[in-house]
């Protein structure tokens, strides 16, 4: 399974971005999916997850601003990020964990910079 994250960039505070994570070599519906981020000189942290049946969960700092979703036909997961803040600046990684094998897969990361 390979994951390809995209959609990062430079955005002003209060702006929005849509991140995508394309899954290849496997069915997204067979995986619990998640988004993580790693700020400069910080550890990678979980921010949102979407179970294989579509149940979402968020860390408190992004709740109400970020929305995780997926399209099983396109085999793609999304993270809609609204009301972005400078503290959201980080490299964002997507993750897939196979519900049968437990194996975990990571995308390469996409950089989000929130700055005026």
N, C-alpha and C. Protein backbone atom coordinates (compact mmCIF):
# COMPACT_ATOMS: atom_id res chain seq x y z
N UNK A 1 0.86 -1.18 0.00
CA UNK A 1 0.00 0.00 0.00
C UNK A 1 0.89 1.23 0.00
N UNK A 2 0.54 2.18 -0.87
CA UNK A 2 1.26 3.46 -0.91
C UNK A 2 0.28 4.59 -0.74
N UNK A 3 0.72 5.62 -0.02
CA UNK A 3 -0.10 6.79 0.23
C UNK A 3 0.60 8.02 -0.33
N UNK A 4 -0.14 8.85 -1.03
CA UNK A 4 0.41 10.07 -1.62
C UNK A 4 -0.40 11.25 -1.12
N UNK A 5 0.21 12.07 -0.26
CA UNK A 5 -0.45 13.25 0.29
C UNK A 5 -0.13 14.46 -0.57
N UNK A 6 -1.10 15.34 -0.69
CA UNK A 6 -0.91 16.57 -1.45
C UNK A 6 -1.87 17.64 -0.95
N UNK A 7 -1.66 18.87 -1.44
CA UNK A 7 -2.59 19.94 -1.12
C UNK A 7 -2.03 20.99 -0.16
N UNK A 8 -0.85 20.77 0.37
CA UNK A 8 -0.26 21.75 1.27
C UNK A 8 0.15 23.02 0.55
N UNK A 9 0.50 24.02 1.32
CA UNK A 9 0.93 25.27 0.74
C UNK A 9 0.96 26.37 1.77
N UNK A 10 1.11 27.59 1.28
CA UNK A 10 1.14 28.77 2.14
C UNK A 10 -0.24 29.42 2.14
N UNK A 11 -0.76 29.67 3.32
CA UNK A 11 -2.08 30.28 3.44
C UNK A 11 -2.06 31.30 4.58
N UNK A 12 -2.87 32.33 4.44
CA UNK A 12 -2.95 33.35 5.48
C UNK A 12 -3.79 32.85 6.65
N UNK A 13 -3.55 33.39 7.83
CA UNK A 13 -4.42 33.04 8.97
C UNK A 13 -5.88 33.29 8.64
N UNK A 14 -6.72 32.34 9.04
CA UNK A 14 -8.13 32.42 8.72
C UNK A 14 -8.51 31.76 7.41
N UNK A 15 -7.51 31.37 6.63
CA UNK A 15 -7.77 30.75 5.34
C UNK A 15 -8.06 29.27 5.44
N UNK A 16 -8.20 28.65 4.26
CA UNK A 16 -8.57 27.23 4.18
C UNK A 16 -7.65 26.49 3.21
N UNK A 17 -7.52 25.21 3.46
CA UNK A 17 -6.80 24.31 2.56
C UNK A 17 -7.50 22.96 2.58
N UNK A 18 -7.40 22.25 1.45
CA UNK A 18 -7.91 20.89 1.38
C UNK A 18 -6.75 19.96 1.07
N UNK A 19 -6.45 19.07 2.01
CA UNK A 19 -5.43 18.07 1.81
C UNK A 19 -6.07 16.79 1.27
N UNK A 20 -5.32 16.11 0.41
CA UNK A 20 -5.77 14.84 -0.14
C UNK A 20 -4.72 13.77 0.12
N UNK A 21 -5.19 12.54 0.23
CA UNK A 21 -4.29 11.40 0.41
C UNK A 21 -4.83 10.27 -0.46
N UNK A 22 -4.12 9.99 -1.53
CA UNK A 22 -4.54 8.94 -2.45
C UNK A 22 -3.90 7.62 -2.03
N UNK A 23 -4.73 6.60 -1.91
CA UNK A 23 -4.26 5.27 -1.53
C UNK A 23 -4.16 4.39 -2.77
N UNK A 24 -3.02 3.76 -2.95
CA UNK A 24 -2.85 2.84 -4.07
C UNK A 24 -2.32 1.51 -3.55
N UNK A 25 -2.64 0.46 -4.26
CA UNK A 25 -2.19 -0.86 -3.85
C UNK A 25 -3.05 -1.50 -2.80
N UNK A 26 -4.17 -0.91 -2.50
CA UNK A 26 -5.08 -1.44 -1.50
C UNK A 26 -6.37 -0.66 -1.48
N UNK A 27 -7.36 -1.20 -0.82
CA UNK A 27 -8.66 -0.54 -0.74
C UNK A 27 -8.73 0.33 0.51
N UNK A 28 -9.10 1.59 0.31
CA UNK A 28 -9.22 2.49 1.47
C UNK A 28 -10.28 1.98 2.44
N UNK A 29 -11.25 1.27 1.92
CA UNK A 29 -12.33 0.76 2.77
C UNK A 29 -11.87 -0.37 3.69
N UNK A 30 -10.66 -0.87 3.48
CA UNK A 30 -10.10 -1.92 4.33
C UNK A 30 -9.15 -1.35 5.39
N UNK A 31 -9.16 -0.03 5.51
CA UNK A 31 -8.22 0.63 6.40
C UNK A 31 -8.90 1.64 7.30
N UNK A 32 -8.41 1.75 8.53
CA UNK A 32 -8.68 2.92 9.36
C UNK A 32 -7.67 3.98 8.94
N UNK A 33 -8.17 5.18 8.69
CA UNK A 33 -7.32 6.24 8.13
C UNK A 33 -7.10 7.35 9.16
N UNK A 34 -6.00 8.06 9.00
CA UNK A 34 -5.74 9.16 9.92
C UNK A 34 -4.83 10.22 9.33
N UNK A 35 -4.92 11.39 9.92
CA UNK A 35 -4.01 12.49 9.61
C UNK A 35 -3.20 12.82 10.86
N UNK A 36 -1.93 13.06 10.65
CA UNK A 36 -1.01 13.46 11.71
C UNK A 36 -0.27 14.71 11.23
N UNK A 37 0.32 15.41 12.16
CA UNK A 37 1.15 16.55 11.75
C UNK A 37 2.37 16.66 12.65
N UNK A 38 3.41 17.22 12.08
CA UNK A 38 4.66 17.42 12.81
C UNK A 38 5.12 18.84 12.60
N UNK A 39 5.04 19.63 13.67
CA UNK A 39 5.52 21.00 13.63
C UNK A 39 7.04 21.00 13.77
N UNK A 40 7.68 22.10 13.36
CA UNK A 40 9.14 22.18 13.45
C UNK A 40 9.64 21.88 14.86
N UNK A 41 10.57 20.97 14.95
CA UNK A 41 11.22 20.59 16.21
C UNK A 41 10.24 20.00 17.22
N UNK A 42 9.15 19.47 16.72
CA UNK A 42 8.17 18.82 17.59
C UNK A 42 7.95 17.38 17.12
N UNK A 43 7.32 16.58 17.98
CA UNK A 43 7.00 15.21 17.60
C UNK A 43 5.75 15.17 16.74
N UNK A 44 5.68 14.14 15.93
CA UNK A 44 4.48 13.93 15.12
C UNK A 44 3.30 13.61 16.04
N UNK A 45 2.16 14.26 15.75
CA UNK A 45 0.97 14.08 16.59
C UNK A 45 -0.25 13.75 15.74
N UNK A 46 -1.09 12.92 16.29
CA UNK A 46 -2.35 12.60 15.66
C UNK A 46 -3.30 13.79 15.73
N UNK A 47 -4.04 14.06 14.65
CA UNK A 47 -5.01 15.14 14.68
C UNK A 47 -6.41 14.68 14.30
N UNK A 48 -6.55 13.67 13.45
CA UNK A 48 -7.88 13.24 13.04
C UNK A 48 -7.83 11.81 12.53
N UNK A 49 -8.92 11.09 12.71
CA UNK A 49 -9.00 9.74 12.20
C UNK A 49 -10.38 9.46 11.66
N UNK A 50 -10.43 8.48 10.77
CA UNK A 50 -11.68 8.06 10.16
C UNK A 50 -11.66 6.55 10.07
N UNK A 51 -12.58 5.92 10.79
CA UNK A 51 -12.59 4.46 10.79
C UNK A 51 -13.04 3.93 9.44
N UNK A 52 -12.82 2.65 9.22
CA UNK A 52 -13.16 2.07 7.91
C UNK A 52 -14.66 2.16 7.63
N UNK A 53 -15.47 2.30 8.70
CA UNK A 53 -16.91 2.46 8.50
C UNK A 53 -17.33 3.92 8.47
N UNK A 54 -16.35 4.83 8.59
CA UNK A 54 -16.65 6.24 8.41
C UNK A 54 -16.88 7.05 9.68
N UNK A 55 -16.45 6.55 10.81
CA UNK A 55 -16.60 7.31 12.05
C UNK A 55 -15.37 8.19 12.25
N UNK A 56 -15.61 9.51 12.42
CA UNK A 56 -14.52 10.46 12.54
C UNK A 56 -14.24 10.83 13.98
N UNK A 57 -13.00 11.23 14.23
CA UNK A 57 -12.60 11.68 15.55
C UNK A 57 -11.49 12.71 15.37
N UNK A 58 -11.43 13.68 16.29
CA UNK A 58 -10.50 14.80 16.15
C UNK A 58 -9.83 15.13 17.48
N UNK A 59 -8.61 15.62 17.39
CA UNK A 59 -8.00 16.18 18.57
C UNK A 59 -8.65 17.53 18.86
N UNK A 60 -8.63 17.94 20.12
CA UNK A 60 -9.38 19.14 20.50
C UNK A 60 -8.96 20.39 19.74
N UNK A 61 -7.68 20.50 19.43
CA UNK A 61 -7.18 21.74 18.83
C UNK A 61 -7.71 21.99 17.41
N UNK A 62 -8.23 20.96 16.76
CA UNK A 62 -8.74 21.15 15.40
C UNK A 62 -10.25 20.90 15.30
N UNK A 63 -10.85 20.47 16.39
CA UNK A 63 -12.28 20.16 16.38
C UNK A 63 -13.08 21.40 16.02
N UNK A 64 -14.00 21.25 15.09
CA UNK A 64 -14.81 22.36 14.65
C UNK A 64 -14.20 23.16 13.51
N UNK A 65 -12.92 22.94 13.24
CA UNK A 65 -12.26 23.66 12.14
C UNK A 65 -11.86 22.72 11.00
N UNK A 66 -11.50 21.50 11.35
CA UNK A 66 -11.04 20.52 10.35
C UNK A 66 -12.11 19.43 10.18
N UNK A 67 -12.21 18.93 8.95
CA UNK A 67 -13.14 17.83 8.67
C UNK A 67 -12.42 16.76 7.88
N UNK A 68 -12.46 15.55 8.38
CA UNK A 68 -11.86 14.40 7.70
C UNK A 68 -12.96 13.66 6.95
N UNK A 69 -12.63 13.21 5.75
CA UNK A 69 -13.60 12.48 4.94
C UNK A 69 -12.85 11.57 3.97
N UNK A 70 -13.62 10.75 3.27
CA UNK A 70 -12.99 9.88 2.27
C UNK A 70 -13.97 9.59 1.16
N UNK A 71 -13.43 9.20 0.03
CA UNK A 71 -14.21 8.77 -1.12
C UNK A 71 -13.73 7.37 -1.47
N UNK A 72 -14.55 6.38 -1.17
CA UNK A 72 -14.14 4.99 -1.40
C UNK A 72 -13.96 4.68 -2.88
N UNK A 73 -14.70 5.37 -3.72
CA UNK A 73 -14.57 5.12 -5.17
C UNK A 73 -13.24 5.65 -5.68
N UNK A 74 -12.86 6.83 -5.21
CA UNK A 74 -11.59 7.44 -5.63
C UNK A 74 -10.41 6.94 -4.79
N UNK A 75 -10.72 6.14 -3.75
CA UNK A 75 -9.67 5.62 -2.86
C UNK A 75 -8.84 6.76 -2.28
N UNK A 76 -9.52 7.81 -1.88
CA UNK A 76 -8.85 9.03 -1.44
C UNK A 76 -9.45 9.52 -0.13
N UNK A 77 -8.57 9.98 0.76
CA UNK A 77 -8.99 10.60 2.01
C UNK A 77 -8.70 12.11 1.92
N UNK A 78 -9.50 12.88 2.61
CA UNK A 78 -9.35 14.33 2.58
C UNK A 78 -9.28 14.90 3.99
N UNK A 79 -8.69 16.08 4.08
CA UNK A 79 -8.75 16.86 5.32
C UNK A 79 -9.04 18.30 4.91
N UNK A 80 -10.27 18.72 5.15
CA UNK A 80 -10.65 20.11 4.90
C UNK A 80 -10.28 20.92 6.13
N UNK A 81 -9.44 21.91 5.94
CA UNK A 81 -8.94 22.71 7.05
C UNK A 81 -9.42 24.14 6.87
N UNK A 82 -10.21 24.61 7.81
CA UNK A 82 -10.73 25.97 7.79
C UNK A 82 -10.23 26.75 9.00
N UNK A 83 -10.37 28.06 8.92
CA UNK A 83 -9.97 28.93 10.03
C UNK A 83 -8.56 28.61 10.51
N UNK A 84 -7.65 28.51 9.57
CA UNK A 84 -6.30 28.09 9.89
C UNK A 84 -5.58 29.14 10.74
N UNK A 85 -4.73 28.64 11.62
CA UNK A 85 -3.99 29.48 12.55
C UNK A 85 -2.48 29.24 12.34
N UNK A 86 -1.66 30.18 12.72
CA UNK A 86 -0.21 29.97 12.59
C UNK A 86 0.27 28.69 13.28
N UNK A 87 -0.37 28.33 14.36
CA UNK A 87 0.04 27.11 15.08
C UNK A 87 -0.35 25.83 14.34
N UNK A 88 -1.08 25.95 13.25
CA UNK A 88 -1.37 24.78 12.41
C UNK A 88 -0.23 24.48 11.45
N UNK A 89 0.76 25.37 11.41
CA UNK A 89 1.91 25.16 10.53
C UNK A 89 2.64 23.88 10.90
N UNK A 90 2.78 22.98 9.90
CA UNK A 90 3.39 21.67 10.15
C UNK A 90 3.46 20.91 8.83
N UNK A 91 4.19 19.81 8.88
CA UNK A 91 4.10 18.83 7.80
C UNK A 91 2.99 17.86 8.16
N UNK A 92 2.07 17.67 7.25
CA UNK A 92 0.91 16.82 7.48
C UNK A 92 1.10 15.48 6.79
N UNK A 93 0.88 14.41 7.55
CA UNK A 93 1.07 13.05 7.06
C UNK A 93 -0.26 12.30 7.12
N UNK A 94 -0.48 11.48 6.11
CA UNK A 94 -1.63 10.58 6.17
C UNK A 94 -1.17 9.17 6.52
N UNK A 95 -2.06 8.44 7.16
CA UNK A 95 -1.75 7.10 7.65
C UNK A 95 -2.90 6.17 7.36
N UNK A 96 -2.57 4.95 7.03
CA UNK A 96 -3.57 3.92 6.85
C UNK A 96 -3.18 2.71 7.67
N UNK A 97 -4.13 2.18 8.41
CA UNK A 97 -3.89 0.94 9.17
C UNK A 97 -4.87 -0.11 8.72
N UNK A 98 -4.33 -1.18 8.17
CA UNK A 98 -5.18 -2.23 7.63
C UNK A 98 -5.96 -2.93 8.75
N UNK A 99 -7.25 -3.07 8.55
CA UNK A 99 -8.09 -3.63 9.61
C UNK A 99 -7.91 -5.13 9.76
N UNK A 100 -7.32 -5.79 8.78
CA UNK A 100 -7.12 -7.25 8.84
C UNK A 100 -5.73 -7.62 9.35
N UNK A 101 -4.70 -6.93 8.84
CA UNK A 101 -3.33 -7.28 9.19
C UNK A 101 -2.75 -6.42 10.31
N UNK A 102 -3.35 -5.23 10.51
CA UNK A 102 -2.80 -4.30 11.48
C UNK A 102 -1.62 -3.51 10.99
N UNK A 103 -1.20 -3.77 9.75
CA UNK A 103 -0.04 -3.06 9.21
C UNK A 103 -0.38 -1.60 9.01
N UNK A 104 0.61 -0.75 9.25
CA UNK A 104 0.43 0.70 9.15
C UNK A 104 1.28 1.24 8.02
N UNK A 105 0.71 2.17 7.28
CA UNK A 105 1.39 2.76 6.14
C UNK A 105 1.34 4.28 6.25
N UNK A 106 2.43 4.94 5.78
CA UNK A 106 2.51 6.40 5.86
C UNK A 106 2.72 7.01 4.49
N UNK A 107 2.13 8.18 4.31
CA UNK A 107 2.43 8.99 3.15
C UNK A 107 3.69 9.81 3.40
N UNK A 108 4.11 10.56 2.38
CA UNK A 108 5.38 11.27 2.47
C UNK A 108 5.27 12.63 3.16
N UNK A 109 4.08 13.12 3.39
CA UNK A 109 3.92 14.41 4.05
C UNK A 109 3.76 15.56 3.08
N UNK A 110 2.96 16.52 3.50
CA UNK A 110 2.78 17.74 2.72
C UNK A 110 2.83 18.93 3.68
N UNK A 111 3.57 19.96 3.30
CA UNK A 111 3.83 21.08 4.20
C UNK A 111 2.72 22.12 4.13
N UNK A 112 2.22 22.48 5.29
CA UNK A 112 1.24 23.55 5.43
C UNK A 112 1.88 24.67 6.24
N UNK A 113 1.87 25.85 5.66
CA UNK A 113 2.43 27.02 6.34
C UNK A 113 1.34 28.08 6.45
N UNK A 114 1.04 28.48 7.67
CA UNK A 114 0.02 29.50 7.91
C UNK A 114 0.73 30.75 8.40
N UNK A 115 0.74 31.76 7.54
CA UNK A 115 1.50 32.97 7.86
C UNK A 115 0.96 34.14 7.04
N UNK A 116 1.04 35.31 7.64
CA UNK A 116 0.65 36.52 6.90
C UNK A 116 1.87 37.14 6.23
